[in-house]
């Protein structure tokens, strides 16, 4: 499979990608655990069918020490015992924030209450931004059909600079 359009070869898309990557780097300055950020990215990418982002975030999570069992169980997090209550709240937010069109209320009050119980205001801001960013990345990659499989951990770190 090949992409229908190479975003990395287009001047406008590259300029956007640098700004987008810079926004993502801000999240590394927060106290939201990296494992939570990667789990949220994986779950949204599963829902959106973004192979490129699944490849990226699976490899990044693995490089950061995430276990194969947890990565394999993200899609079934409700039935899995390997996630903390805080991670479960973040995964619920990721799902509901990704599936906004599926319900009139968007993110439920119950999910929001769980998020408030486990995260401080800065971490909540990071979670909301993370959900928005990964959904945007998913859409960019799905639209152009960026193929999965070639991502290497840290591949885009220099892009933001």
Protein backbone atom coordinates (compact mmCIF):
# COMPACT_ATOMS: atom_id res chain seq x y z
CA UNK A 1 0.00 0.00 0.00
CA UNK A 2 1.20 3.48 -0.74
CA UNK A 3 -0.12 6.85 0.33
CA UNK A 4 -2.36 8.65 -2.12
CA UNK A 5 -0.58 11.91 -1.27
CA UNK A 6 2.78 12.48 0.39
CA UNK A 7 2.19 15.08 3.09
CA UNK A 8 5.91 15.08 3.92
CA UNK A 9 6.81 16.21 0.40
CA UNK A 10 4.43 19.19 0.32
CA UNK A 11 5.73 22.55 1.56
CA UNK A 12 2.45 23.66 3.16
CA UNK A 13 1.90 20.28 4.79
CA UNK A 14 5.45 20.23 6.17
CA UNK A 15 5.02 23.71 7.66
CA UNK A 16 1.79 22.55 9.28
CA UNK A 17 3.41 19.33 10.51
CA UNK A 18 6.14 21.31 12.28
CA UNK A 19 3.56 23.40 14.12
CA UNK A 20 1.46 20.31 14.87
CA UNK A 21 4.50 18.45 16.23
CA UNK A 22 5.34 21.50 18.35
CA UNK A 23 1.88 21.42 19.89
CA UNK A 24 2.39 17.75 20.70
CA UNK A 25 5.73 18.47 22.37
CA UNK A 26 3.95 20.71 24.86
CA UNK A 27 2.25 17.61 26.27
CA UNK A 28 5.64 16.16 27.19
CA UNK A 29 6.05 19.06 29.62
CA UNK A 30 2.98 18.02 31.60
CA UNK A 31 2.73 15.52 34.44
CA UNK A 32 0.31 13.36 32.47
CA UNK A 33 2.14 10.01 32.33
CA UNK A 34 3.57 9.06 28.97
CA UNK A 35 1.95 5.64 29.23
CA UNK A 36 -1.45 7.33 29.55
CA UNK A 37 -0.73 9.55 26.55
CA UNK A 38 0.23 6.54 24.44
CA UNK A 39 -2.81 4.49 25.56
CA UNK A 40 -5.13 7.38 24.70
CA UNK A 41 -3.49 7.75 21.29
CA UNK A 42 -3.79 4.02 20.62
CA UNK A 43 -7.45 3.85 21.55
CA UNK A 44 -8.48 6.81 19.40
CA UNK A 45 -6.40 5.46 16.51
CA UNK A 46 -8.09 2.06 16.82
CA UNK A 47 -11.51 3.67 16.66
CA UNK A 48 -10.53 5.84 13.69
CA UNK A 49 -8.79 3.01 11.83
CA UNK A 50 -5.50 4.86 11.52
CA UNK A 51 -2.84 2.26 10.85
CA UNK A 52 -0.05 4.83 10.66
CA UNK A 53 -0.83 6.19 14.15
CA UNK A 54 -1.31 2.68 15.56
CA UNK A 55 2.14 1.79 14.24
CA UNK A 56 3.66 4.97 15.66
CA UNK A 57 2.11 4.87 19.12
CA UNK A 58 2.57 1.13 19.60
CA UNK A 59 6.26 1.49 18.83
CA UNK A 60 6.65 4.65 20.93
CA UNK A 61 4.88 2.98 23.87
CA UNK A 62 7.07 -0.11 23.54
CA UNK A 63 10.21 2.03 23.40
CA UNK A 64 9.03 3.77 26.59
CA UNK A 65 8.67 0.39 28.35
CA UNK A 66 4.97 -0.36 27.92
CA UNK A 67 4.15 -4.08 28.09
CA UNK A 68 2.83 -6.10 25.17
CA UNK A 69 -0.09 -7.34 27.29
CA UNK A 70 -1.37 -3.83 27.96
CA UNK A 71 -0.90 -2.77 24.34
CA UNK A 72 -2.81 -5.81 23.12
CA UNK A 73 -5.66 -5.15 25.54
CA UNK A 74 -6.27 -1.46 24.81
CA UNK A 75 -9.15 -2.32 22.46
CA UNK A 76 -10.79 -4.33 25.26
CA UNK A 77 -9.84 -2.08 28.17
CA UNK A 78 -13.24 -2.41 29.87
CA UNK A 79 -12.79 -6.18 30.22
CA UNK A 80 -9.06 -6.03 31.07
CA UNK A 81 -7.62 -5.96 34.58
CA UNK A 82 -4.28 -4.43 33.58
CA UNK A 83 -5.33 -0.76 33.59
CA UNK A 84 -5.52 1.54 36.60
CA UNK A 85 -8.72 3.43 37.42
CA UNK A 86 -7.03 6.63 36.18
CA UNK A 87 -6.08 4.99 32.88
CA UNK A 88 -9.60 3.64 32.52
CA UNK A 89 -10.99 7.17 32.95
CA UNK A 90 -8.55 8.46 30.30
CA UNK A 91 -9.49 5.65 27.90
CA UNK A 92 -13.19 6.40 28.38
CA UNK A 93 -12.51 10.07 27.63
CA UNK A 94 -10.54 9.08 24.54
CA UNK A 95 -13.40 6.92 23.28
CA UNK A 96 -16.17 9.40 23.97
CA UNK A 97 -14.11 12.33 22.69
CA UNK A 98 -13.40 10.41 19.50
CA UNK A 99 -16.98 9.26 18.97
CA UNK A 100 -18.62 12.67 19.40
CA UNK A 101 -21.13 12.06 16.61
CA UNK A 102 -22.36 8.82 18.21
CA UNK A 103 -24.22 10.53 21.06
CA UNK A 104 -25.84 13.88 21.62
CA UNK A 105 -23.96 14.49 24.86
CA UNK A 106 -20.42 13.86 23.61
CA UNK A 107 -18.43 13.10 26.74
CA UNK A 108 -20.75 11.82 29.46
CA UNK A 109 -20.96 13.35 32.91
CA UNK A 110 -19.90 10.00 34.40
CA UNK A 111 -16.73 9.91 32.31
CA UNK A 112 -15.97 13.54 33.10
CA UNK A 113 -16.44 12.86 36.82
CA UNK A 114 -14.02 9.91 36.62
CA UNK A 115 -11.46 12.07 34.84
CA UNK A 116 -11.87 14.82 37.49
CA UNK A 117 -11.39 12.22 40.23
CA UNK A 118 -8.02 11.05 38.91
CA UNK A 119 -6.39 14.04 37.22
CA UNK A 120 -5.57 17.63 38.15
CA UNK A 121 -6.48 20.58 35.93
CA UNK A 122 -3.20 20.58 33.99
CA UNK A 123 -3.47 16.85 33.34
CA UNK A 124 -7.09 17.25 32.23
CA UNK A 125 -6.04 20.00 29.84
CA UNK A 126 -3.34 17.65 28.50
CA UNK A 127 -5.86 14.82 28.09
CA UNK A 128 -8.35 16.99 26.20
CA UNK A 129 -5.58 18.35 23.97
CA UNK A 130 -4.23 14.82 23.43
CA UNK A 131 -7.65 13.56 22.30
CA UNK A 132 -8.03 16.50 19.92
CA UNK A 133 -4.50 16.12 18.49
CA UNK A 134 -4.67 12.37 17.93
CA UNK A 135 -8.04 12.66 16.25
CA UNK A 136 -6.62 15.33 13.92
CA UNK A 137 -3.56 13.17 13.19
CA UNK A 138 -5.80 10.17 12.51
CA UNK A 139 -7.85 12.14 10.04
CA UNK A 140 -4.79 13.47 8.20
CA UNK A 141 -3.32 9.98 7.85
CA UNK A 142 -6.55 8.19 6.98
CA UNK A 143 -7.49 10.75 4.31
CA UNK A 144 -4.18 10.33 2.48
CA UNK A 145 -3.94 6.61 3.34
CA UNK A 146 -0.52 6.81 4.97
CA UNK A 147 0.58 3.17 5.27
CA UNK A 148 1.62 1.57 8.54
CA UNK A 149 4.77 -0.36 9.27
CA UNK A 150 7.74 1.89 8.60
CA UNK A 151 7.63 4.15 11.66
CA UNK A 152 10.71 4.18 13.89
CA UNK A 153 10.54 5.50 17.49
CA UNK A 154 11.59 9.14 17.69
CA UNK A 155 11.29 9.58 13.92
CA UNK A 156 9.52 12.96 14.15
CA UNK A 157 11.35 14.45 17.15
CA UNK A 158 13.41 16.81 14.99
CA UNK A 159 10.36 17.98 13.05
CA UNK A 160 9.20 20.36 15.79
CA UNK A 161 12.53 22.15 16.02
